[in-house]
Amino acid sequence: MSAAAAATMEAMAPTRERTPYAVAARQLLRDTLFDAARDELQQRAWADITMADIARAAGVSRQTLYKEFGTRDEFSAAFVIREGERFLDAVEAAVREHLDDPSTAVAAALEVFLTTAGEDPLMRILLSDDGTGGMLPLVTTQSMPVVTWASARLAAVMRDGWPHASEHDAQLLAETLVRLAISYVTVPKGAPRATARDAAALLGPYIERALEGGAPRA
């Protein structure tokens, strides 16, 4: 095939949507920094890890790290959200598998979250933190950005799966479940399945009314 013919065929082929270089490069930088922070956490407590340590492990300058995230707290929140994405992907899948039964969907979602959290190395570090390691506050007392983000994503899944649910009810239930999950992860009690089943049973009446479009009682 001649070069001209090849060029013509390429021009006629469907155009694939490409990620702009600047966007791809920034995402690669952020992923590299997050991976470096995760690696550092395998070796020592979060309280002992500096921004300089993370930058060095990632192979970038400290100025680059600060330019991307601003402060250590902002980096911390973004890091926890990145890790949380993996959990919420699994939680969302569990919800969508049980759209015909809201209570079962909530129980399945909580079980997946608690089981995954208990098996993940980073979460095991968090669970072993007695408050001195510096990691625990990221998902407890300093967790508002994480709670807001996770609640918004879960509420969106609920509104999509149960269109009769009001935005208010979906948001209220999502935030309650996120806070409940964080509480159980940081202070675990019992097996994930039993914990999830008990939580779903407790919230069952509200879940049924809210997600099926009824009017939940105050």
N, C-alpha and C. Protein backbone atom coordinates (compact mmCIF):
# COMPACT_ATOMS: atom_id res chain seq x y z
N MET A 1 0.85 -1.19 0.00
CA MET A 1 0.00 0.00 0.00
C MET A 1 0.89 1.25 0.00
N SER A 2 0.55 2.19 -0.85
CA SER A 2 1.35 3.40 -0.94
C SER A 2 1.13 4.28 0.28
N ALA A 3 2.07 5.20 0.49
CA ALA A 3 1.96 6.12 1.62
C ALA A 3 0.72 6.99 1.49
N ALA A 4 0.40 7.39 0.25
CA ALA A 4 -0.77 8.24 0.03
C ALA A 4 -2.05 7.50 0.36
N ALA A 5 -2.12 6.21 -0.06
CA ALA A 5 -3.31 5.41 0.21
C ALA A 5 -3.48 5.20 1.71
N ALA A 6 -2.37 4.95 2.40
CA ALA A 6 -2.43 4.74 3.85
C ALA A 6 -2.92 6.00 4.55
N ALA A 7 -2.45 7.14 4.09
CA ALA A 7 -2.86 8.40 4.69
C ALA A 7 -4.35 8.64 4.47
N THR A 8 -4.84 8.28 3.27
CA THR A 8 -6.26 8.45 2.97
C THR A 8 -7.12 7.58 3.87
N MET A 9 -6.70 6.30 4.06
CA MET A 9 -7.47 5.39 4.91
C MET A 9 -7.47 5.87 6.36
N GLU A 10 -6.36 6.39 6.80
CA GLU A 10 -6.29 6.90 8.17
C GLU A 10 -7.22 8.09 8.36
N ALA A 11 -7.29 8.93 7.33
CA ALA A 11 -8.15 10.11 7.41
C ALA A 11 -9.62 9.72 7.43
N MET A 12 -9.95 8.59 6.75
CA MET A 12 -11.34 8.15 6.66
C MET A 12 -11.76 7.35 7.88
N ALA A 13 -10.82 6.84 8.67
CA ALA A 13 -11.14 6.03 9.83
C ALA A 13 -11.81 6.88 10.90
N PRO A 14 -12.68 6.26 11.72
CA PRO A 14 -13.36 7.00 12.78
C PRO A 14 -12.33 7.63 13.73
N THR A 15 -12.58 8.86 14.08
CA THR A 15 -11.67 9.56 14.97
C THR A 15 -11.87 9.12 16.41
N ARG A 16 -10.82 8.66 17.04
CA ARG A 16 -10.91 8.27 18.44
C ARG A 16 -10.70 9.47 19.34
N GLU A 17 -11.48 9.52 20.40
CA GLU A 17 -11.34 10.63 21.35
C GLU A 17 -10.04 10.44 22.12
N ARG A 18 -9.21 11.42 22.06
CA ARG A 18 -7.91 11.34 22.71
C ARG A 18 -7.86 12.25 23.93
N THR A 19 -7.19 11.77 24.96
CA THR A 19 -7.00 12.58 26.16
C THR A 19 -5.91 13.61 25.88
N PRO A 20 -6.20 14.89 26.09
CA PRO A 20 -5.18 15.92 25.86
C PRO A 20 -3.92 15.60 26.65
N TYR A 21 -2.78 15.94 26.08
CA TYR A 21 -1.51 15.61 26.71
C TYR A 21 -1.40 16.19 28.11
N ALA A 22 -1.81 17.45 28.26
CA ALA A 22 -1.69 18.09 29.58
C ALA A 22 -2.51 17.37 30.63
N VAL A 23 -3.70 16.90 30.26
CA VAL A 23 -4.56 16.18 31.20
C VAL A 23 -3.94 14.84 31.57
N ALA A 24 -3.46 14.11 30.54
CA ALA A 24 -2.84 12.81 30.79
C ALA A 24 -1.57 12.94 31.64
N ALA A 25 -0.79 13.97 31.35
CA ALA A 25 0.46 14.18 32.10
C ALA A 25 0.17 14.51 33.56
N ARG A 26 -0.86 15.32 33.79
CA ARG A 26 -1.19 15.67 35.17
C ARG A 26 -1.70 14.46 35.94
N GLN A 27 -2.53 13.63 35.29
CA GLN A 27 -3.03 12.44 35.95
C GLN A 27 -1.91 11.47 36.27
N LEU A 28 -0.95 11.35 35.36
CA LEU A 28 0.20 10.48 35.60
C LEU A 28 1.00 10.99 36.80
N LEU A 29 1.17 12.30 36.88
CA LEU A 29 1.90 12.89 38.01
C LEU A 29 1.18 12.58 39.33
N ARG A 30 -0.12 12.80 39.35
CA ARG A 30 -0.89 12.58 40.58
C ARG A 30 -0.85 11.10 40.98
N ASP A 31 -1.01 10.21 40.02
CA ASP A 31 -0.97 8.78 40.33
C ASP A 31 0.40 8.38 40.87
N THR A 32 1.45 8.95 40.29
CA THR A 32 2.81 8.64 40.75
C THR A 32 3.01 9.11 42.19
N LEU A 33 2.51 10.29 42.51
CA LEU A 33 2.64 10.82 43.87
C LEU A 33 1.82 10.00 44.86
N PHE A 34 0.60 9.62 44.47
CA PHE A 34 -0.22 8.80 45.35
C PHE A 34 0.41 7.42 45.59
N ASP A 35 0.95 6.83 44.54
CA ASP A 35 1.60 5.53 44.68
C ASP A 35 2.82 5.63 45.59
N ALA A 36 3.53 6.74 45.47
CA ALA A 36 4.71 6.95 46.33
C ALA A 36 4.28 7.06 47.80
N ALA A 37 3.18 7.77 48.04
CA ALA A 37 2.68 7.91 49.42
C ALA A 37 2.25 6.55 49.96
N ARG A 38 1.60 5.76 49.14
CA ARG A 38 1.16 4.43 49.57
C ARG A 38 2.37 3.56 49.92
N ASP A 39 3.41 3.62 49.10
CA ASP A 39 4.62 2.84 49.36
C ASP A 39 5.28 3.29 50.66
N GLU A 40 5.31 4.60 50.89
CA GLU A 40 5.92 5.11 52.11
C GLU A 40 5.16 4.62 53.34
N LEU A 41 3.83 4.51 53.21
CA LEU A 41 3.02 4.08 54.34
C LEU A 41 3.24 2.62 54.71
N GLN A 42 3.81 1.85 53.80
CA GLN A 42 4.12 0.46 54.12
C GLN A 42 5.33 0.37 55.05
N GLN A 43 6.05 1.48 55.17
CA GLN A 43 7.30 1.46 55.92
C GLN A 43 7.25 2.23 57.24
N ARG A 44 6.40 3.24 57.31
CA ARG A 44 6.35 4.05 58.53
C ARG A 44 5.02 4.76 58.64
N ALA A 45 4.80 5.36 59.81
CA ALA A 45 3.53 6.02 60.09
C ALA A 45 3.38 7.29 59.25
N TRP A 46 2.13 7.64 58.98
CA TRP A 46 1.84 8.84 58.19
C TRP A 46 2.41 10.09 58.86
N ALA A 47 2.38 10.13 60.19
CA ALA A 47 2.89 11.29 60.92
C ALA A 47 4.37 11.51 60.68
N ASP A 48 5.09 10.46 60.31
CA ASP A 48 6.54 10.55 60.10
C ASP A 48 6.90 10.80 58.64
N ILE A 49 5.91 10.87 57.76
CA ILE A 49 6.17 11.05 56.33
C ILE A 49 5.98 12.52 55.96
N THR A 50 6.99 13.12 55.39
CA THR A 50 6.91 14.52 54.99
C THR A 50 6.60 14.63 53.50
N MET A 51 6.24 15.82 53.08
CA MET A 51 6.01 16.05 51.65
C MET A 51 7.30 15.83 50.87
N ALA A 52 8.42 16.16 51.49
CA ALA A 52 9.72 15.94 50.84
C ALA A 52 9.96 14.45 50.62
N ASP A 53 9.55 13.62 51.59
CA ASP A 53 9.70 12.17 51.45
C ASP A 53 8.89 11.65 50.26
N ILE A 54 7.66 12.14 50.14
CA ILE A 54 6.78 11.70 49.06
C ILE A 54 7.34 12.14 47.71
N ALA A 55 7.78 13.39 47.63
CA ALA A 55 8.34 13.90 46.38
C ALA A 55 9.57 13.11 45.98
N ARG A 56 10.42 12.83 46.94
CA ARG A 56 11.64 12.07 46.65
C ARG A 56 11.30 10.65 46.16
N ALA A 57 10.36 10.01 46.82
CA ALA A 57 9.97 8.66 46.43
C ALA A 57 9.34 8.64 45.04
N ALA A 58 8.67 9.75 44.69
CA ALA A 58 8.02 9.84 43.37
C ALA A 58 8.99 10.27 42.27
N GLY A 59 10.16 10.78 42.68
CA GLY A 59 11.13 11.23 41.69
C GLY A 59 10.84 12.61 41.14
N VAL A 60 10.18 13.46 41.95
CA VAL A 60 9.90 14.84 41.52
C VAL A 60 10.39 15.78 42.61
N SER A 61 10.37 17.06 42.32
CA SER A 61 10.79 18.04 43.31
C SER A 61 9.66 18.30 44.30
N ARG A 62 10.03 18.79 45.47
CA ARG A 62 9.02 19.14 46.46
C ARG A 62 8.15 20.28 45.94
N GLN A 63 8.76 21.19 45.16
CA GLN A 63 7.99 22.30 44.60
C GLN A 63 6.89 21.78 43.67
N THR A 64 7.20 20.73 42.91
CA THR A 64 6.20 20.15 42.00
C THR A 64 5.03 19.60 42.79
N LEU A 65 5.33 18.93 43.89
CA LEU A 65 4.27 18.36 44.74
C LEU A 65 3.40 19.46 45.33
N TYR A 66 4.02 20.50 45.86
CA TYR A 66 3.24 21.59 46.46
C TYR A 66 2.44 22.35 45.39
N LYS A 67 3.01 22.49 44.21
CA LYS A 67 2.29 23.19 43.14
C LYS A 67 1.03 22.45 42.74
N GLU A 68 1.09 21.13 42.78
CA GLU A 68 -0.05 20.31 42.37
C GLU A 68 -1.13 20.27 43.45
N PHE A 69 -0.73 20.23 44.73
CA PHE A 69 -1.72 20.02 45.80
C PHE A 69 -1.84 21.17 46.79
N GLY A 70 -0.90 22.07 46.82
CA GLY A 70 -1.03 23.21 47.71
C GLY A 70 -0.50 22.97 49.11
N THR A 71 -1.15 22.10 49.87
CA THR A 71 -0.73 21.83 51.24
C THR A 71 -0.72 20.33 51.51
N ARG A 72 -0.14 19.95 52.62
CA ARG A 72 -0.11 18.54 53.01
C ARG A 72 -1.52 18.03 53.28
N ASP A 73 -2.36 18.86 53.90
CA ASP A 73 -3.74 18.45 54.18
C ASP A 73 -4.51 18.20 52.88
N GLU A 74 -4.30 19.06 51.89
CA GLU A 74 -4.98 18.88 50.60
C GLU A 74 -4.50 17.61 49.91
N PHE A 75 -3.22 17.35 50.00
CA PHE A 75 -2.70 16.11 49.43
C PHE A 75 -3.30 14.91 50.16
N SER A 76 -3.38 14.98 51.49
CA SER A 76 -3.91 13.89 52.29
C SER A 76 -5.35 13.56 51.88
N ALA A 77 -6.18 14.61 51.75
CA ALA A 77 -7.58 14.39 51.37
C ALA A 77 -7.68 13.77 49.98
N ALA A 78 -6.88 14.28 49.05
CA ALA A 78 -6.91 13.74 47.68
C ALA A 78 -6.42 12.29 47.65
N PHE A 79 -5.43 11.98 48.48
CA PHE A 79 -4.90 10.63 48.55
C PHE A 79 -5.95 9.65 49.06
N VAL A 80 -6.64 10.02 50.13
CA VAL A 80 -7.67 9.15 50.69
C VAL A 80 -8.80 8.96 49.69
N ILE A 81 -9.16 10.01 48.96
CA ILE A 81 -10.21 9.90 47.94
C ILE A 81 -9.78 8.96 46.83
N ARG A 82 -8.53 9.04 46.39
CA ARG A 82 -8.05 8.14 45.34
C ARG A 82 -8.15 6.69 45.80
N GLU A 83 -7.75 6.43 47.05
CA GLU A 83 -7.86 5.08 47.57
C GLU A 83 -9.32 4.66 47.70
N GLY A 84 -10.16 5.63 48.09
CA GLY A 84 -11.58 5.33 48.25
C GLY A 84 -12.28 5.01 46.95
N GLU A 85 -11.76 5.51 45.83
CA GLU A 85 -12.35 5.22 44.53
C GLU A 85 -12.43 3.72 44.30
N ARG A 86 -11.39 3.00 44.68
CA ARG A 86 -11.36 1.56 44.46
C ARG A 86 -12.45 0.87 45.26
N PHE A 87 -12.67 1.34 46.48
CA PHE A 87 -13.72 0.75 47.29
C PHE A 87 -15.10 1.06 46.72
N LEU A 88 -15.31 2.31 46.32
CA LEU A 88 -16.63 2.70 45.84
C LEU A 88 -16.97 2.07 44.50
N ASP A 89 -15.98 1.74 43.69
CA ASP A 89 -16.26 1.01 42.46
C ASP A 89 -16.92 -0.33 42.79
N ALA A 90 -16.37 -1.02 43.79
CA ALA A 90 -16.93 -2.31 44.19
C ALA A 90 -18.29 -2.14 44.87
N VAL A 91 -18.43 -1.08 45.67
CA VAL A 91 -19.70 -0.81 46.34
C VAL A 91 -20.79 -0.52 45.32
N GLU A 92 -20.46 0.27 44.32
CA GLU A 92 -21.44 0.60 43.27
C GLU A 92 -21.89 -0.65 42.54
N ALA A 93 -20.96 -1.54 42.24
CA ALA A 93 -21.32 -2.78 41.55
C ALA A 93 -22.26 -3.63 42.40
N ALA A 94 -22.02 -3.67 43.71
CA ALA A 94 -22.88 -4.44 44.61
C ALA A 94 -24.29 -3.86 44.65
N VAL A 95 -24.40 -2.54 44.66
CA VAL A 95 -25.72 -1.90 44.66
C VAL A 95 -26.48 -2.25 43.39
N ARG A 96 -25.82 -2.15 42.25
CA ARG A 96 -26.49 -2.38 40.97
C ARG A 96 -26.90 -3.84 40.77
N GLU A 97 -26.29 -4.74 41.51
CA GLU A 97 -26.67 -6.15 41.40
C GLU A 97 -27.97 -6.46 42.13
N HIS A 98 -28.42 -5.51 42.97
CA HIS A 98 -29.61 -5.78 43.79
C HIS A 98 -30.61 -4.62 43.71
N LEU A 99 -30.79 -4.07 42.55
CA LEU A 99 -31.70 -2.93 42.41
C LEU A 99 -33.16 -3.30 42.69
N ASP A 100 -33.47 -4.59 42.64
CA ASP A 100 -34.84 -5.03 42.91
C ASP A 100 -35.14 -5.12 44.40
N ASP A 101 -34.12 -4.98 45.24
CA ASP A 101 -34.30 -5.11 46.69
C ASP A 101 -33.36 -4.12 47.38
N PRO A 102 -33.85 -2.91 47.70
CA PRO A 102 -32.99 -1.87 48.28
C PRO A 102 -32.26 -2.29 49.55
N SER A 103 -32.94 -2.98 50.46
CA SER A 103 -32.29 -3.39 51.71
C SER A 103 -31.16 -4.36 51.45
N THR A 104 -31.38 -5.31 50.54
CA THR A 104 -30.33 -6.26 50.19
C THR A 104 -29.17 -5.53 49.51
N ALA A 105 -29.49 -4.53 48.70
CA ALA A 105 -28.45 -3.75 48.02
C ALA A 105 -27.56 -3.04 49.02
N VAL A 106 -28.17 -2.44 50.03
CA VAL A 106 -27.40 -1.73 51.06
C VAL A 106 -26.54 -2.72 51.85
N ALA A 107 -27.11 -3.86 52.22
CA ALA A 107 -26.35 -4.87 52.96
C ALA A 107 -25.17 -5.37 52.15
N ALA A 108 -25.40 -5.64 50.86
CA ALA A 108 -24.33 -6.13 49.99
C ALA A 108 -23.24 -5.09 49.83
N ALA A 109 -23.64 -3.83 49.68
CA ALA A 109 -22.67 -2.75 49.50
C ALA A 109 -21.80 -2.60 50.75
N LEU A 110 -22.43 -2.61 51.93
CA LEU A 110 -21.67 -2.49 53.17
C LEU A 110 -20.73 -3.68 53.37
N GLU A 111 -21.21 -4.87 53.04
CA GLU A 111 -20.36 -6.06 53.19
C GLU A 111 -19.13 -5.98 52.29
N VAL A 112 -19.34 -5.56 51.04
CA VAL A 112 -18.22 -5.42 50.11
C VAL A 112 -17.23 -4.39 50.63
N PHE A 113 -17.73 -3.27 51.09
CA PHE A 113 -16.84 -2.22 51.58
C PHE A 113 -16.04 -2.70 52.78
N LEU A 114 -16.71 -3.29 53.76
CA LEU A 114 -16.04 -3.71 54.98
C LEU A 114 -15.05 -4.84 54.72
N THR A 115 -15.42 -5.77 53.84
CA THR A 115 -14.53 -6.88 53.52
C THR A 115 -13.28 -6.38 52.81
N THR A 116 -13.48 -5.53 51.81
CA THR A 116 -12.36 -4.99 51.04
C THR A 116 -11.46 -4.15 51.93
N ALA A 117 -12.07 -3.34 52.78
CA ALA A 117 -11.28 -2.49 53.68
C ALA A 117 -10.43 -3.33 54.62
N GLY A 118 -10.97 -4.44 55.10
CA GLY A 118 -10.23 -5.28 56.01
C GLY A 118 -9.08 -6.03 55.36
N GLU A 119 -9.16 -6.22 54.03
CA GLU A 119 -8.12 -6.97 53.34
C GLU A 119 -7.04 -6.09 52.74
N ASP A 120 -7.31 -4.81 52.60
CA ASP A 120 -6.37 -3.91 51.95
C ASP A 120 -5.24 -3.52 52.90
N PRO A 121 -3.98 -3.58 52.46
CA PRO A 121 -2.84 -3.24 53.34
C PRO A 121 -2.94 -1.85 53.94
N LEU A 122 -3.35 -0.88 53.13
CA LEU A 122 -3.45 0.49 53.63
C LEU A 122 -4.50 0.60 54.73
N MET A 123 -5.63 -0.08 54.54
CA MET A 123 -6.67 -0.03 55.55
C MET A 123 -6.25 -0.76 56.82
N ARG A 124 -5.44 -1.81 56.70
CA ARG A 124 -4.96 -2.50 57.89
C ARG A 124 -4.05 -1.57 58.70
N ILE A 125 -3.27 -0.74 57.99
CA ILE A 125 -2.44 0.25 58.69
C ILE A 125 -3.34 1.22 59.44
N LEU A 126 -4.41 1.66 58.77
CA LEU A 126 -5.35 2.59 59.39
C LEU A 126 -5.99 1.97 60.63
N LEU A 127 -6.41 0.72 60.52
CA LEU A 127 -7.09 0.06 61.62
C LEU A 127 -6.19 -0.16 62.82
N SER A 128 -4.88 -0.26 62.57
CA SER A 128 -3.94 -0.47 63.67
C SER A 128 -3.45 0.84 64.28
N ASP A 129 -3.89 1.96 63.72
CA ASP A 129 -3.47 3.27 64.21
C ASP A 129 -4.22 3.58 65.51
N ASP A 130 -3.48 3.80 66.57
CA ASP A 130 -4.10 4.12 67.85
C ASP A 130 -4.32 5.61 68.04
N GLY A 131 -4.12 6.36 66.95
CA GLY A 131 -4.29 7.81 67.01
C GLY A 131 -2.98 8.55 66.97
N THR A 132 -1.87 7.84 67.15
CA THR A 132 -0.56 8.48 67.15
C THR A 132 0.12 8.40 65.79
N GLY A 133 -0.38 7.54 64.90
CA GLY A 133 0.27 7.36 63.61
C GLY A 133 -0.03 8.46 62.61
N GLY A 134 -1.07 9.25 62.87
CA GLY A 134 -1.39 10.37 62.00
C GLY A 134 -2.30 10.04 60.85
N MET A 135 -2.67 8.76 60.68
CA MET A 135 -3.51 8.38 59.55
C MET A 135 -5.00 8.43 59.90
N LEU A 136 -5.33 8.06 61.12
CA LEU A 136 -6.72 7.96 61.52
C LEU A 136 -7.53 9.23 61.29
N PRO A 137 -7.00 10.43 61.60
CA PRO A 137 -7.80 11.64 61.39
C PRO A 137 -8.21 11.88 59.95
N LEU A 138 -7.51 11.27 58.99
CA LEU A 138 -7.84 11.50 57.59
C LEU A 138 -9.23 11.02 57.24
N VAL A 139 -9.73 10.02 57.95
CA VAL A 139 -11.08 9.52 57.65
C VAL A 139 -12.02 9.66 58.84
N THR A 140 -11.61 10.40 59.86
CA THR A 140 -12.49 10.62 61.01
C THR A 140 -12.68 12.12 61.23
N THR A 141 -11.88 12.72 62.11
CA THR A 141 -12.10 14.11 62.47
C THR A 141 -11.80 15.09 61.35
N GLN A 142 -10.96 14.71 60.38
CA GLN A 142 -10.64 15.60 59.27
C GLN A 142 -11.23 15.10 57.95
N SER A 143 -12.31 14.33 58.04
CA SER A 143 -12.77 13.59 56.87
C SER A 143 -13.84 14.29 56.04
N MET A 144 -14.20 15.53 56.36
CA MET A 144 -15.33 16.15 55.67
C MET A 144 -15.22 16.11 54.15
N PRO A 145 -14.08 16.45 53.53
CA PRO A 145 -14.01 16.34 52.06
C PRO A 145 -14.26 14.92 51.57
N VAL A 146 -13.78 13.92 52.30
CA VAL A 146 -13.97 12.53 51.91
C VAL A 146 -15.43 12.13 52.06
N VAL A 147 -16.05 12.50 53.19
CA VAL A 147 -17.45 12.17 53.42
C VAL A 147 -18.33 12.82 52.35
N THR A 148 -18.06 14.09 52.05
CA THR A 148 -18.85 14.81 51.05
C THR A 148 -18.75 14.16 49.69
N TRP A 149 -17.52 13.83 49.29
CA TRP A 149 -17.30 13.22 47.99
C TRP A 149 -17.93 11.83 47.89
N ALA A 150 -17.69 10.99 48.91
CA ALA A 150 -18.21 9.62 48.88
C ALA A 150 -19.74 9.63 48.94
N SER A 151 -20.31 10.52 49.74
CA SER A 151 -21.77 10.60 49.85
C SER A 151 -22.40 11.02 48.53
N ALA A 152 -21.78 11.99 47.86
CA ALA A 152 -22.32 12.47 46.59
C ALA A 152 -22.30 11.36 45.55
N ARG A 153 -21.21 10.59 45.52
CA ARG A 153 -21.14 9.51 44.53
C ARG A 153 -22.17 8.42 44.84
N LEU A 154 -22.30 8.03 46.09
CA LEU A 154 -23.27 6.99 46.45
C LEU A 154 -24.69 7.46 46.22
N ALA A 155 -24.97 8.73 46.53
CA ALA A 155 -26.31 9.28 46.30
C ALA A 155 -26.65 9.26 44.81
N ALA A 156 -25.68 9.54 43.96
CA ALA A 156 -25.91 9.51 42.52
C ALA A 156 -26.26 8.10 42.05
N VAL A 157 -25.59 7.10 42.61
CA VAL A 157 -25.90 5.71 42.27
C VAL A 157 -27.32 5.37 42.69
N MET A 158 -27.72 5.83 43.86
CA MET A 158 -29.06 5.54 44.36
C MET A 158 -30.12 6.21 43.50
N ARG A 159 -29.90 7.46 43.13
CA ARG A 159 -30.89 8.16 42.31
C ARG A 159 -31.01 7.51 40.93
N ASP A 160 -29.89 7.01 40.43
CA ASP A 160 -29.93 6.34 39.13
C ASP A 160 -30.63 5.00 39.22
N GLY A 161 -30.36 4.25 40.29
CA GLY A 161 -30.96 2.93 40.44
C GLY A 161 -32.40 2.96 40.90
N TRP A 162 -32.75 3.97 41.70
CA TRP A 162 -34.12 4.11 42.21
C TRP A 162 -34.61 5.52 41.90
N PRO A 163 -35.05 5.75 40.67
CA PRO A 163 -35.41 7.11 40.23
C PRO A 163 -36.55 7.74 41.01
N HIS A 164 -37.33 6.94 41.75
CA HIS A 164 -38.43 7.53 42.53
C HIS A 164 -37.93 8.18 43.81
N ALA A 165 -36.71 7.87 44.20
CA ALA A 165 -36.18 8.47 45.43
C ALA A 165 -35.89 9.95 45.21
N SER A 166 -36.21 10.74 46.22
CA SER A 166 -35.93 12.18 46.11
C SER A 166 -34.44 12.42 46.30
N GLU A 167 -33.98 13.55 45.81
CA GLU A 167 -32.57 13.90 45.96
C GLU A 167 -32.20 14.01 47.43
N HIS A 168 -33.10 14.59 48.21
CA HIS A 168 -32.84 14.76 49.65
C HIS A 168 -32.70 13.41 50.34
N ASP A 169 -33.62 12.49 50.07
CA ASP A 169 -33.59 11.19 50.72
C ASP A 169 -32.35 10.39 50.32
N ALA A 170 -32.02 10.44 49.03
CA ALA A 170 -30.85 9.71 48.56
C ALA A 170 -29.58 10.27 49.20
N GLN A 171 -29.48 11.59 49.29
CA GLN A 171 -28.29 12.21 49.89
C GLN A 171 -28.20 11.90 51.37
N LEU A 172 -29.33 11.97 52.08
CA LEU A 172 -29.34 11.69 53.52
C LEU A 172 -28.94 10.24 53.79
N LEU A 173 -29.51 9.32 53.04
CA LEU A 173 -29.19 7.90 53.23
C LEU A 173 -27.74 7.62 52.87
N ALA A 174 -27.26 8.22 51.78
CA ALA A 174 -25.88 7.99 51.35
C ALA A 174 -24.90 8.48 52.41
N GLU A 175 -25.13 9.68 52.95
CA GLU A 175 -24.20 10.21 53.95
C GLU A 175 -24.25 9.37 55.23
N THR A 176 -25.44 8.90 55.60
CA THR A 176 -25.56 8.05 56.78
C THR A 176 -24.76 6.75 56.59
N LEU A 177 -24.87 6.16 55.42
CA LEU A 177 -24.15 4.91 55.15
C LEU A 177 -22.65 5.13 55.11
N VAL A 178 -22.21 6.23 54.53
CA VAL A 178 -20.77 6.52 54.47
C VAL A 178 -20.22 6.70 55.88
N ARG A 179 -20.90 7.48 56.71
CA ARG A 179 -20.43 7.70 58.07
C ARG A 179 -20.47 6.40 58.87
N LEU A 180 -21.48 5.59 58.64
CA LEU A 180 -21.59 4.31 59.32
C LEU A 180 -20.44 3.39 58.91
N ALA A 181 -20.14 3.36 57.63
CA ALA A 181 -19.05 2.51 57.13
C ALA A 181 -17.71 2.95 57.71
N ILE A 182 -17.47 4.27 57.75
CA ILE A 182 -16.22 4.77 58.32
C ILE A 182 -16.11 4.39 59.80
N SER A 183 -17.23 4.47 60.52
CA SER A 183 -17.23 4.11 61.93
C SER A 183 -16.87 2.64 62.12
N TYR A 184 -17.46 1.77 61.31
CA TYR A 184 -17.19 0.35 61.44
C TYR A 184 -15.76 0.00 61.02
N VAL A 185 -15.25 0.71 60.02
CA VAL A 185 -13.89 0.43 59.56
C VAL A 185 -12.88 0.82 60.63
N THR A 186 -13.08 1.97 61.25
CA THR A 186 -12.12 2.45 62.24
C THR A 186 -12.26 1.74 63.59
N VAL A 187 -13.47 1.27 63.90
CA VAL A 187 -13.69 0.51 65.14
C VAL A 187 -14.47 -0.75 64.77
N PRO A 188 -13.82 -1.74 64.18
CA PRO A 188 -14.52 -2.93 63.70
C PRO A 188 -15.14 -3.76 64.83
N LYS A 189 -16.29 -4.36 64.53
CA LYS A 189 -16.97 -5.22 65.50
C LYS A 189 -17.69 -6.31 64.73
N GLY A 190 -17.21 -7.52 64.86
CA GLY A 190 -17.87 -8.64 64.19
C GLY A 190 -17.45 -8.78 62.74
N ALA A 191 -17.93 -9.86 62.12
CA ALA A 191 -17.62 -10.15 60.72
C ALA A 191 -18.34 -9.16 59.81
N PRO A 192 -17.73 -8.81 58.65
CA PRO A 192 -18.37 -7.86 57.73
C PRO A 192 -19.79 -8.23 57.35
N ARG A 193 -20.04 -9.52 57.07
CA ARG A 193 -21.39 -9.92 56.63
C ARG A 193 -22.41 -9.67 57.73
N ALA A 194 -22.09 -10.06 58.95
CA ALA A 194 -23.02 -9.86 60.06
C ALA A 194 -23.24 -8.38 60.33
N THR A 195 -22.17 -7.61 60.28
CA THR A 195 -22.27 -6.17 60.51
C THR A 195 -23.15 -5.52 59.45
N ALA A 196 -22.94 -5.88 58.19
CA ALA A 196 -23.73 -5.32 57.09
C ALA A 196 -25.19 -5.72 57.21
N ARG A 197 -25.44 -6.96 57.56
CA ARG A 197 -26.82 -7.44 57.70
C ARG A 197 -27.55 -6.70 58.81
N ASP A 198 -26.86 -6.51 59.95
CA ASP A 198 -27.48 -5.81 61.08
C ASP A 198 -27.77 -4.35 60.73
N ALA A 199 -26.83 -3.71 60.04
CA ALA A 199 -27.03 -2.31 59.67
C ALA A 199 -28.20 -2.16 58.71
N ALA A 200 -28.29 -3.07 57.74
CA ALA A 200 -29.39 -3.01 56.78
C ALA A 200 -30.73 -3.26 57.46
N ALA A 201 -30.74 -4.17 58.43
CA ALA A 201 -31.98 -4.45 59.15
C ALA A 201 -32.42 -3.22 59.96
N LEU A 202 -31.45 -2.55 60.57
CA LEU A 202 -31.76 -1.35 61.35
C LEU A 202 -32.32 -0.24 60.48
N LEU A 203 -31.72 -0.06 59.31
CA LEU A 203 -32.14 1.02 58.41
C LEU A 203 -33.22 0.59 57.42
N GLY A 204 -33.58 -0.69 57.46
CA GLY A 204 -34.50 -1.25 56.47
C GLY A 204 -35.77 -0.45 56.19
N PRO A 205 -36.55 -0.12 57.22
CA PRO A 205 -37.80 0.62 56.96
C PRO A 205 -37.57 1.95 56.24
N TYR A 206 -36.53 2.67 56.66
CA TYR A 206 -36.25 3.94 55.99
C TYR A 206 -35.80 3.71 54.56
N ILE A 207 -34.94 2.72 54.36
CA ILE A 207 -34.44 2.40 53.02
C ILE A 207 -35.60 2.10 52.07
N GLU A 208 -36.52 1.27 52.52
CA GLU A 208 -37.65 0.88 51.67
C GLU A 208 -38.49 2.10 51.30
N ARG A 209 -38.80 2.94 52.28
CA ARG A 209 -39.63 4.10 51.99
C ARG A 209 -38.92 5.11 51.12
N ALA A 210 -37.66 5.37 51.42
CA ALA A 210 -36.93 6.40 50.68
C ALA A 210 -36.64 5.99 49.25
N LEU A 211 -36.17 4.78 49.05
CA LEU A 211 -35.74 4.37 47.71
C LEU A 211 -36.89 3.90 46.83
N GLU A 212 -38.02 3.61 47.44
CA GLU A 212 -39.19 3.24 46.64
C GLU A 212 -40.11 4.43 46.42
N GLY A 213 -39.68 5.60 46.85
CA GLY A 213 -40.43 6.81 46.56
C GLY A 213 -41.44 7.20 47.58
N GLY A 214 -41.48 6.48 48.72
CA GLY A 214 -42.41 6.84 49.76
C GLY A 214 -41.96 8.08 50.51
N ALA A 215 -42.70 8.48 51.47
CA ALA A 215 -42.35 9.66 52.26
C ALA A 215 -41.85 9.20 53.61
N PRO A 216 -40.54 9.18 53.82
CA PRO A 216 -39.98 8.74 55.09
C PRO A 216 -40.47 9.58 56.25
N ARG A 217 -40.72 8.92 57.35
CA ARG A 217 -41.14 9.66 58.55
C ARG A 217 -39.96 10.39 59.14
N ALA A 218 -40.21 11.48 59.81
CA ALA A 218 -39.13 12.26 60.41
C ALA A 218 -38.50 11.47 61.54
